[in-house]
Each structure stands twice: as C-alpha cells, then as structure tokens.
C-alpha cells in the first residue's frame, strides 16, 4: 500500500468575536527559510478564494525573504482544505522527510491567524509518487466521445494472469475520475485510490475473482458530466453505447449485466448511482462513495422518490465519511437512503451503507474503503 501522508499545523490561534461574525478574518502566514529572493509563494485550496486548487492563482504577500502572508474573509463554518506551492505542483511544500504535506484542513470558527513553517519544497523535480502502478495497464488515448462531450483518456487495468490465461473472461468495473484511481503520477494532488494494489491483493488472496477495471478520465467539464442534465445523460450514453462495446470487443470480458459494475466518488458517486438507475440492464451494481446525492444545486433524490415502476434490480454500495465536506453531504445521503427504502430496497439485500465518521473527502479515504465494495461485488464467497 502507498504511504498515507500526515500534516502538521505549527501554530494556530483563534480570536473569535462574541456572537460569531457572519464572516471571519483568516490570516495565513508562511515561514520558509532559504528561498531565493525572486521566488514567490502561493496558497491553493478547495474554495474559489483559494483558487480551486489552481497552484499559481493566489499569490501570497511577501513580508521578507522568508515570510509570506495572505488574508481572507470566509463565512463561519466554511470547511477549508489547502496547500502551499511556489507556483506549480512540481514545487509544492514538503515536510522534513521530503514527502508532500497532506491537505491542511480548517473549519472556520472565528477570526484566526495560522502560521506554518515550511522546511522544504519540491525543486522542479519529477512529480513525487507514493508507489507505482501494480499490474498491467493499457491506455486508450484521446478517445473521441459523444458529440456533447470532450475527448478523454481511458486506462484499463488487467488482472494477474490476463495475458497467460487466454481463454478466461472477466467481470468489468467501470470507474469515473480514471486518472485518480491507479496512477499517482496523474492523480489529483499525487495521491490515487490504489485500486490497482487493492484489487491485485484481493485477487491473489483469493478474496475476489479476477476483474478488469476501466478508469474513465474526467475532463474540465467534470461537474456537468457527472450530474443530472443533458451532458450528464450524454456521459451515461457514452459509457453504455460507445465505451462498453469497445471494451467488450478489445478485451475478454463477461459482458452480461450481472458482471458489470460502476463506481465513483463525490460527483462520481452521484453519476455512478445515476448510471445504474438509468441503465439497470447494463449495470447490476453501483458503488457510490461520498456521493453528492443532494447538495446545493444537485438533487437526484427527487427522481428516486417519484419513481413508481417495478423495483430495479440493482445492488448499491453507499458510504461516506464525517469530516469537512463529508459532513455536508450527510443530509443528502440520509435522504437518498430513506428514498430507496421507501420504494422497496432492503438494507443488506439490495444495498449497504457504510459510515466512517473519521474519514475525510479525498482519495486516501476512498482507498481505505475500496476493498469493501470490491468484495461485495466480486467476492468469491458471494458466488
């Protein structure tokens, strides 16, 4: 398994005003020794004010060659995740052991000053990884997709013995955000799901049958493609009408619905549910990790509540954590669980729900839980 990174906030002081202001003043201060005079420091994170993870969007103000600050105003109870760079992910902040920091995290409670000491930085070297690809993968590059969608790459992970056992056929798991599931070099922030290591280990331990995993890369239109709208339905149609036939033709698959599953996290969890819900004749199982069932402008709960047809033959794995964004997703997940129960789904028979109250909203957390749905979907004890 790849190492799970840790982080350390060196100093945190809070000066909350009585009555809690509508917006709190948050000041970030960086102390970084041995930086050349012409180097800048940037903050990036999960908020539009923090640049939405663009590594060179938000420059910090230089107080001296070693001290940088930046002040923001955020609504109380906002959950922030953030990192520091010198302008790119190839120059992000490192710990003393030269590993990248895990995302720093803060729930805004009041006016605060956060001070961080950065001992080292990446120096334009190749991106750091925490492991390699395990097993054999093949790529479909720049796949021209449905007319409403952007082209994308696809990574195909093949199980142990695929090239040797030329008569054997395999179930297939389709996964969204394909660049984040196998290869740390392509994954968001350099940490992947480790689905290759997890599946490889479970297969070799005889816990699951050998499977093929198809990772469908996302695009700059990820949110639109992974939600309920014309583009989202076009993406589902692409999976069913274009990609699956291509995979079934190129690889030795078991193409039947009972051998075909779909999985994803966050918005990918939503589109996984939607794909199985809309195409149960194709996908018999859907794993929805930290799904955005109902939050903000996204709401697929109403679609389920309004359904009056025959119970759809789908098995759902649903899970979520409890920290930061995970907590914000809880209400929508609770509503979806109630909705599927109301139309006849039985927990343990048609779906399972797993809650890890200490888990955050990131690839490391999803990697910790991936073995659960792999064993439910493809476990040999279930055959």
Protein backbone atom coordinates (compact mmCIF):
# COMPACT_ATOMS: atom_id res chain seq x y z
CA UNK A 1 0.00 0.00 0.00
CA UNK A 2 1.18 3.51 -0.61
CA UNK A 3 2.08 5.67 2.37
CA UNK A 4 -0.65 7.83 3.85
CA UNK A 5 0.68 11.34 4.30
CA UNK A 6 0.34 13.34 7.51
CA UNK A 7 0.44 17.06 8.14
CA UNK A 8 1.25 19.37 10.99
CA UNK A 9 -0.07 22.84 11.72
CA UNK A 10 2.70 24.53 13.66
CA UNK A 11 0.68 27.33 15.24
CA UNK A 12 -3.00 28.13 15.38
CA UNK A 13 -4.55 30.94 17.37
CA UNK A 14 -8.18 31.99 17.35
CA UNK A 15 -9.66 35.33 18.26
CA UNK A 16 -13.35 34.70 17.82
CA UNK A 17 -15.63 37.64 18.37
CA UNK A 18 -18.61 37.15 20.66
CA UNK A 19 -21.72 36.27 18.73
CA UNK A 20 -19.67 34.84 15.84
CA UNK A 21 -19.40 37.23 12.88
CA UNK A 22 -21.04 36.35 9.59
CA UNK A 23 -17.57 36.37 8.04
CA UNK A 24 -14.36 35.57 9.85
CA UNK A 25 -10.93 37.00 9.08
CA UNK A 26 -8.42 34.23 8.39
CA UNK A 27 -4.77 35.16 8.02
CA UNK A 28 -2.31 32.61 6.65
CA UNK A 29 1.37 33.14 7.40
CA UNK A 30 4.19 31.10 5.86
CA UNK A 31 7.71 30.99 7.26
CA UNK A 32 10.01 29.41 4.70
CA UNK A 33 13.78 29.54 5.07
CA UNK A 34 16.35 29.52 2.27
CA UNK A 35 14.13 30.77 -0.52
CA UNK A 36 15.81 32.71 -3.32
CA UNK A 37 14.86 36.39 -3.45
CA UNK A 38 12.82 36.13 -6.64
CA UNK A 39 10.71 33.18 -5.51
CA UNK A 40 7.01 33.62 -4.71
CA UNK A 41 4.72 31.52 -2.54
CA UNK A 42 1.13 30.63 -3.40
CA UNK A 43 -1.79 29.21 -1.46
CA UNK A 44 -4.32 26.95 -3.15
CA UNK A 45 -7.32 25.04 -1.93
CA UNK A 46 -10.92 23.90 -2.23
CA UNK A 47 -12.52 27.35 -2.25
CA UNK A 48 -12.90 29.90 -5.05
CA UNK A 49 -10.98 32.43 -2.92
CA UNK A 50 -8.19 29.86 -2.70
CA UNK A 51 -8.13 29.32 -6.44
CA UNK A 52 -9.99 25.99 -6.57
CA UNK A 53 -6.72 24.06 -6.44
CA UNK A 54 -5.01 26.05 -9.18
CA UNK A 55 -1.42 26.07 -7.88
CA UNK A 56 -0.44 29.55 -9.12
CA UNK A 57 -3.69 31.51 -8.82
CA UNK A 58 -3.39 33.06 -5.34
CA UNK A 59 -0.04 34.68 -4.62
CA UNK A 60 0.83 35.42 -1.00
CA UNK A 61 2.23 38.81 0.03
CA UNK A 62 5.95 38.83 0.76
CA UNK A 63 6.90 40.43 4.08
CA UNK A 64 10.53 39.31 3.85
CA UNK A 65 12.60 36.70 2.05
CA UNK A 66 11.26 34.08 4.45
CA UNK A 67 7.79 35.30 5.47
CA UNK A 68 4.63 35.44 3.37
CA UNK A 69 1.05 36.29 4.37
CA UNK A 70 -2.42 36.31 2.85
CA UNK A 71 -5.71 37.38 4.44
CA UNK A 72 -9.20 36.20 3.52
CA UNK A 73 -12.74 36.52 4.85
CA UNK A 74 -14.78 33.33 4.95
CA UNK A 75 -18.26 32.59 6.31
CA UNK A 76 -18.23 30.89 9.70
CA UNK A 77 -18.43 27.06 9.43
CA UNK A 78 -16.77 27.03 5.99
CA UNK A 79 -14.59 23.93 5.61
CA UNK A 80 -11.24 24.70 4.01
CA UNK A 81 -8.57 22.39 2.64
CA UNK A 82 -5.39 23.94 1.30
CA UNK A 83 -1.73 23.57 0.39
CA UNK A 84 1.21 25.84 -0.47
CA UNK A 85 3.31 25.91 -3.63
CA UNK A 86 5.87 28.05 -5.41
CA UNK A 87 3.56 28.19 -8.42
CA UNK A 88 3.11 24.59 -9.57
CA UNK A 89 2.53 21.11 -8.20
CA UNK A 90 6.15 20.36 -9.09
CA UNK A 91 7.19 22.96 -6.48
CA UNK A 92 4.74 22.29 -3.64
CA UNK A 93 5.64 22.43 0.05
CA UNK A 94 7.34 19.38 1.58
CA UNK A 95 7.83 18.03 5.07
CA UNK A 96 11.29 17.44 6.57
CA UNK A 97 11.24 13.89 5.18
CA UNK A 98 10.69 15.36 1.67
CA UNK A 99 7.15 13.99 1.42
CA UNK A 100 4.31 16.29 0.41
CA UNK A 101 2.01 17.51 3.15
CA UNK A 102 -1.45 16.04 3.32
CA UNK A 103 -4.09 18.72 2.74
CA UNK A 104 -4.19 21.18 5.62
CA UNK A 105 -7.72 21.47 6.98
CA UNK A 106 -9.68 24.15 8.85
CA UNK A 107 -13.31 24.64 9.83
CA UNK A 108 -13.77 28.40 10.14
CA UNK A 109 -14.97 29.24 13.65
CA UNK A 110 -13.86 32.86 14.03
CA UNK A 111 -11.03 35.30 13.33
CA UNK A 112 -7.83 33.26 13.20
CA UNK A 113 -4.13 33.51 12.42
CA UNK A 114 -2.50 30.34 11.10
CA UNK A 115 1.27 30.12 10.90
CA UNK A 116 3.05 27.35 9.00
CA UNK A 117 6.76 26.58 8.85
CA UNK A 118 7.74 25.04 5.53
CA UNK A 119 11.08 23.22 5.76
CA UNK A 120 11.45 22.17 2.11
CA UNK A 121 9.97 22.47 -1.35
CA UNK A 122 9.97 20.37 -4.45
CA UNK A 123 12.53 21.87 -6.78
CA UNK A 124 11.08 21.17 -10.24
CA UNK A 125 11.98 17.52 -9.97
CA UNK A 126 9.70 14.89 -11.39
CA UNK A 127 6.45 14.59 -9.50
CA UNK A 128 6.84 12.61 -6.31
CA UNK A 129 4.93 9.36 -6.10
CA UNK A 130 3.97 7.03 -3.27
CA UNK A 131 4.18 3.75 -5.13
CA UNK A 132 3.96 2.58 -8.69
CA UNK A 133 1.28 1.08 -10.89
CA UNK A 134 0.76 -2.52 -9.82
CA UNK A 135 -0.03 -4.95 -12.60
CA UNK A 136 -0.61 -4.36 -16.29
CA UNK A 137 -2.42 -1.37 -17.73
CA UNK A 138 -3.31 -0.36 -21.25
CA UNK A 139 -4.47 3.05 -22.44
CA UNK A 140 -6.96 4.42 -24.92
CA UNK A 141 -5.75 7.95 -25.54
CA UNK A 142 -7.82 10.94 -26.61
CA UNK A 143 -10.95 8.91 -27.12
CA UNK A 144 -13.41 10.84 -29.23
CA UNK A 145 -16.67 10.56 -27.39
CA UNK A 146 -20.29 11.58 -27.68
CA UNK A 147 -20.81 14.83 -29.61
CA UNK A 148 -21.75 16.66 -26.37
CA UNK A 149 -18.61 15.52 -24.55
CA UNK A 150 -14.92 16.35 -24.64
CA UNK A 151 -12.34 13.73 -25.70
CA UNK A 152 -10.70 11.84 -22.83
CA UNK A 153 -8.19 9.13 -21.99
CA UNK A 154 -9.15 5.73 -20.59
CA UNK A 155 -6.92 3.46 -18.51
CA UNK A 156 -7.62 -0.28 -18.46
CA UNK A 157 -6.21 -2.37 -15.59
CA UNK A 158 -5.85 -6.05 -16.36
CA UNK A 159 -5.83 -8.72 -13.64
CA UNK A 160 -2.93 -11.06 -12.86
CA UNK A 161 -2.67 -13.78 -15.49
CA UNK A 162 -4.71 -11.95 -18.12
CA UNK A 163 -2.12 -12.40 -20.87
CA UNK A 164 -1.38 -16.01 -19.89
CA UNK A 165 -4.93 -17.31 -19.36
CA UNK A 166 -6.12 -16.61 -22.87
CA UNK A 167 -9.44 -18.47 -22.51
CA UNK A 168 -10.58 -16.79 -19.33
CA UNK A 169 -13.14 -13.97 -19.32
CA UNK A 170 -13.58 -11.34 -16.63
CA UNK A 171 -16.20 -9.11 -14.98
CA UNK A 172 -15.67 -5.39 -15.52
CA UNK A 173 -15.72 -2.45 -13.12
CA UNK A 174 -16.10 0.97 -14.74
CA UNK A 175 -14.77 3.84 -12.62
CA UNK A 176 -15.02 7.60 -13.07
CA UNK A 177 -12.16 10.08 -12.45
CA UNK A 178 -9.92 7.46 -14.05
CA UNK A 179 -6.71 9.46 -13.66
CA UNK A 180 -7.15 9.32 -9.87
CA UNK A 181 -7.62 5.60 -9.32
CA UNK A 182 -4.40 3.84 -10.40
CA UNK A 183 -1.50 6.12 -11.24
CA UNK A 184 -0.18 8.64 -8.65
CA UNK A 185 1.57 10.49 -11.46
CA UNK A 186 -1.76 11.51 -13.00
CA UNK A 187 -3.83 11.66 -9.84
CA UNK A 188 -5.15 14.87 -8.29
CA UNK A 189 -2.52 16.09 -5.78
CA UNK A 190 -0.42 12.98 -6.47
CA UNK A 191 -2.44 10.53 -4.32
CA UNK A 192 -4.51 7.83 -6.02
CA UNK A 193 -7.18 5.34 -4.95
CA UNK A 194 -4.63 2.49 -5.09
CA UNK A 195 -7.36 0.42 -6.72
CA UNK A 196 -4.64 -1.49 -8.59
CA UNK A 197 -2.86 -2.60 -5.41
CA UNK A 198 -6.13 -3.34 -3.64
CA UNK A 199 -7.60 -5.43 -6.45
CA UNK A 200 -4.29 -7.21 -7.07
CA UNK A 201 -4.01 -8.17 -3.40
CA UNK A 202 -7.61 -9.35 -3.11
CA UNK A 203 -7.28 -11.45 -6.26
CA UNK A 204 -4.03 -13.06 -5.10
CA UNK A 205 -5.54 -13.74 -1.67
CA UNK A 206 -8.47 -15.43 -3.44
CA UNK A 207 -10.89 -12.95 -1.86
CA UNK A 208 -12.35 -11.75 -5.16
CA UNK A 209 -12.46 -13.16 -8.66
CA UNK A 210 -10.12 -11.55 -11.20
CA UNK A 211 -11.67 -8.44 -12.74
CA UNK A 212 -10.89 -5.81 -15.37
CA UNK A 213 -11.04 -2.19 -14.18
CA UNK A 214 -11.75 0.57 -16.69
CA UNK A 215 -10.85 4.06 -15.48
CA UNK A 216 -12.59 6.79 -17.48
CA UNK A 217 -10.71 10.07 -17.15
CA UNK A 218 -12.68 13.17 -16.30
CA UNK A 219 -12.44 16.45 -18.23
CA UNK A 220 -12.71 20.15 -17.46
CA UNK A 221 -16.48 19.64 -17.66
CA UNK A 222 -16.43 17.12 -14.80
CA UNK A 223 -19.23 18.62 -12.71
CA UNK A 224 -21.56 18.92 -15.69
CA UNK A 225 -20.75 15.43 -16.96
CA UNK A 226 -21.27 13.89 -13.53
CA UNK A 227 -24.66 15.45 -12.70
CA UNK A 228 -28.28 15.41 -13.81
CA UNK A 229 -28.51 17.42 -17.02
CA UNK A 230 -28.24 16.80 -20.75
CA UNK A 231 -24.45 16.47 -20.55
CA UNK A 232 -24.66 14.02 -17.66
CA UNK A 233 -27.09 11.83 -19.57
CA UNK A 234 -24.84 12.11 -22.64
CA UNK A 235 -21.96 10.82 -20.49
CA UNK A 236 -24.05 7.84 -19.38
CA UNK A 237 -24.97 7.18 -23.02
CA UNK A 238 -21.27 7.32 -23.92
CA UNK A 239 -20.48 4.70 -21.27
CA UNK A 240 -23.23 2.38 -22.44
CA UNK A 241 -23.30 2.90 -26.20
CA UNK A 242 -19.67 3.66 -27.04
CA UNK A 243 -17.19 2.72 -24.34
CA UNK A 244 -18.62 -0.58 -23.11
CA UNK A 245 -18.97 -2.07 -26.62
CA UNK A 246 -15.37 -1.01 -27.31
CA UNK A 247 -14.10 -2.63 -24.10
CA UNK A 248 -16.12 -5.80 -24.73
CA UNK A 249 -14.62 -6.02 -28.22
CA UNK A 250 -11.00 -5.36 -27.23
CA UNK A 251 -10.85 -7.41 -24.03
CA UNK A 252 -12.06 -10.77 -22.81
CA UNK A 253 -14.93 -9.51 -20.71
CA UNK A 254 -18.04 -11.07 -19.28
CA UNK A 255 -20.39 -8.54 -20.86
CA UNK A 256 -23.60 -9.52 -19.07
CA UNK A 257 -25.18 -7.02 -16.67
CA UNK A 258 -24.56 -9.24 -13.65
CA UNK A 259 -20.83 -8.98 -14.40
CA UNK A 260 -20.76 -5.22 -14.94
CA UNK A 261 -20.43 -2.62 -12.18
CA UNK A 262 -19.77 1.10 -11.93
CA UNK A 263 -18.08 3.11 -9.17
CA UNK A 264 -17.01 6.62 -8.27
CA UNK A 265 -16.70 9.18 -5.50
CA UNK A 266 -18.25 12.57 -4.78
CA UNK A 267 -19.80 13.73 -8.08
CA UNK A 268 -18.52 10.41 -9.43
CA UNK A 269 -20.63 8.73 -6.75
CA UNK A 270 -23.67 10.59 -8.00
CA UNK A 271 -23.13 9.66 -11.65
CA UNK A 272 -22.47 6.03 -10.64
CA UNK A 273 -25.89 5.90 -8.99
CA UNK A 274 -27.47 7.63 -11.99
CA UNK A 275 -25.83 5.29 -14.50
CA UNK A 276 -27.12 2.18 -12.74
CA UNK A 277 -30.51 3.76 -12.08
CA UNK A 278 -31.00 4.78 -15.71
CA UNK A 279 -29.37 1.69 -17.23
CA UNK A 280 -30.05 -1.29 -14.93
CA UNK A 281 -29.99 -3.54 -17.98
CA UNK A 282 -26.25 -2.69 -18.26
CA UNK A 283 -25.03 -2.10 -14.68
CA UNK A 284 -26.13 -4.51 -11.95
CA UNK A 285 -24.06 -2.85 -9.20
CA UNK A 286 -23.02 0.67 -8.31
CA UNK A 287 -20.54 1.84 -5.68
CA UNK A 288 -21.24 5.41 -4.59
CA UNK A 289 -18.51 6.69 -2.26
CA UNK A 290 -19.15 10.07 -0.61
CA UNK A 291 -21.89 10.71 -3.17
CA UNK A 292 -23.30 14.19 -3.88
CA UNK A 293 -26.88 12.92 -3.98
CA UNK A 294 -28.40 16.17 -2.77
CA UNK A 295 -26.30 19.24 -2.04
CA UNK A 296 -26.52 22.74 -3.45
CA UNK A 297 -27.95 22.60 -6.96
CA UNK A 298 -27.56 18.83 -7.21
CA UNK A 299 -30.54 16.65 -6.30
CA UNK A 300 -31.24 13.14 -7.55
CA UNK A 301 -33.29 12.14 -4.51
CA UNK A 302 -36.48 13.52 -6.06
CA UNK A 303 -36.01 11.29 -9.11
CA UNK A 304 -36.00 8.22 -6.87
CA UNK A 305 -38.93 9.40 -4.77
CA UNK A 306 -41.05 9.99 -7.86
CA UNK A 307 -40.33 6.54 -9.33
CA UNK A 308 -43.43 4.33 -9.44
CA UNK A 309 -42.27 1.39 -11.57
CA UNK A 310 -41.05 -2.09 -10.77
CA UNK A 311 -38.17 -2.32 -8.30
CA UNK A 312 -34.97 -2.03 -10.29
CA UNK A 313 -32.59 -4.96 -9.95
CA UNK A 314 -29.54 -3.03 -8.77
CA UNK A 315 -27.27 -3.51 -5.77
CA UNK A 316 -25.95 -0.25 -4.30
CA UNK A 317 -22.91 0.22 -2.11
CA UNK A 318 -23.12 3.66 -0.48
CA UNK A 319 -20.67 5.13 2.01
CA UNK A 320 -19.37 8.40 3.40
CA UNK A 321 -17.07 9.90 5.98
CA UNK A 322 -17.73 12.52 8.62
CA UNK A 323 -15.17 15.32 8.32
CA UNK A 324 -15.44 18.54 6.34
CA UNK A 325 -17.35 18.16 3.08
CA UNK A 326 -18.32 14.64 4.15
CA UNK A 327 -20.42 16.13 6.93
CA UNK A 328 -22.10 18.47 4.46
CA UNK A 329 -23.05 15.52 2.23
CA UNK A 330 -24.68 13.61 5.07
CA UNK A 331 -28.16 15.13 4.82
CA UNK A 332 -28.46 14.25 1.12
CA UNK A 333 -27.18 10.73 1.73
CA UNK A 334 -29.69 10.26 4.54
CA UNK A 335 -32.48 11.41 2.23
CA UNK A 336 -31.39 9.01 -0.51
CA UNK A 337 -31.20 6.08 1.91
CA UNK A 338 -34.73 6.88 3.07
CA UNK A 339 -35.89 7.23 -0.55
CA UNK A 340 -34.61 3.83 -1.70
CA UNK A 341 -36.06 2.19 1.41
CA UNK A 342 -39.42 3.81 0.69
CA UNK A 343 -39.58 2.26 -2.79
CA UNK A 344 -38.71 -1.19 -1.51
CA UNK A 345 -34.94 -1.59 -1.29
CA UNK A 346 -33.85 -3.66 1.72
CA UNK A 347 -30.60 -2.91 3.52
CA UNK A 348 -28.29 -5.89 3.30
CA UNK A 349 -30.22 -7.33 0.38
CA UNK A 350 -30.40 -4.50 -2.18
CA UNK A 351 -27.94 -2.03 -0.68
CA UNK A 352 -25.42 -1.44 2.08
CA UNK A 353 -24.40 1.81 3.71
CA UNK A 354 -21.05 2.31 5.45
CA UNK A 355 -20.19 5.33 7.59
CA UNK A 356 -16.64 6.17 8.67
CA UNK A 357 -17.09 9.23 10.85
CA UNK A 358 -13.35 9.93 10.94
CA UNK A 359 -12.86 9.88 7.14
CA UNK A 360 -12.20 12.95 5.02
CA UNK A 361 -13.21 13.69 1.42
CA UNK A 362 -10.17 12.55 -0.55
CA UNK A 363 -8.53 9.71 -2.45
CA UNK A 364 -6.74 8.36 0.63
CA UNK A 365 -10.06 7.90 2.42
CA UNK A 366 -11.70 6.23 -0.57
CA UNK A 367 -8.71 3.92 -0.89
CA UNK A 368 -9.30 2.79 2.69
CA UNK A 369 -12.86 1.72 1.85
CA UNK A 370 -12.45 0.41 -1.72
CA UNK A 371 -11.90 -3.18 -0.60
CA UNK A 372 -15.42 -3.24 0.86
CA UNK A 373 -17.30 -2.81 -2.40
CA UNK A 374 -14.83 -4.95 -4.36
CA UNK A 375 -15.55 -7.85 -2.02
CA UNK A 376 -19.30 -7.21 -2.12
CA UNK A 377 -19.40 -7.02 -5.91
CA UNK A 378 -16.84 -9.64 -6.86
CA UNK A 379 -16.19 -11.65 -3.70
CA UNK A 380 -15.78 -15.37 -4.18
CA UNK A 381 -17.77 -16.09 -1.02
CA UNK A 382 -20.75 -14.39 -2.72
CA UNK A 383 -20.77 -16.81 -5.65
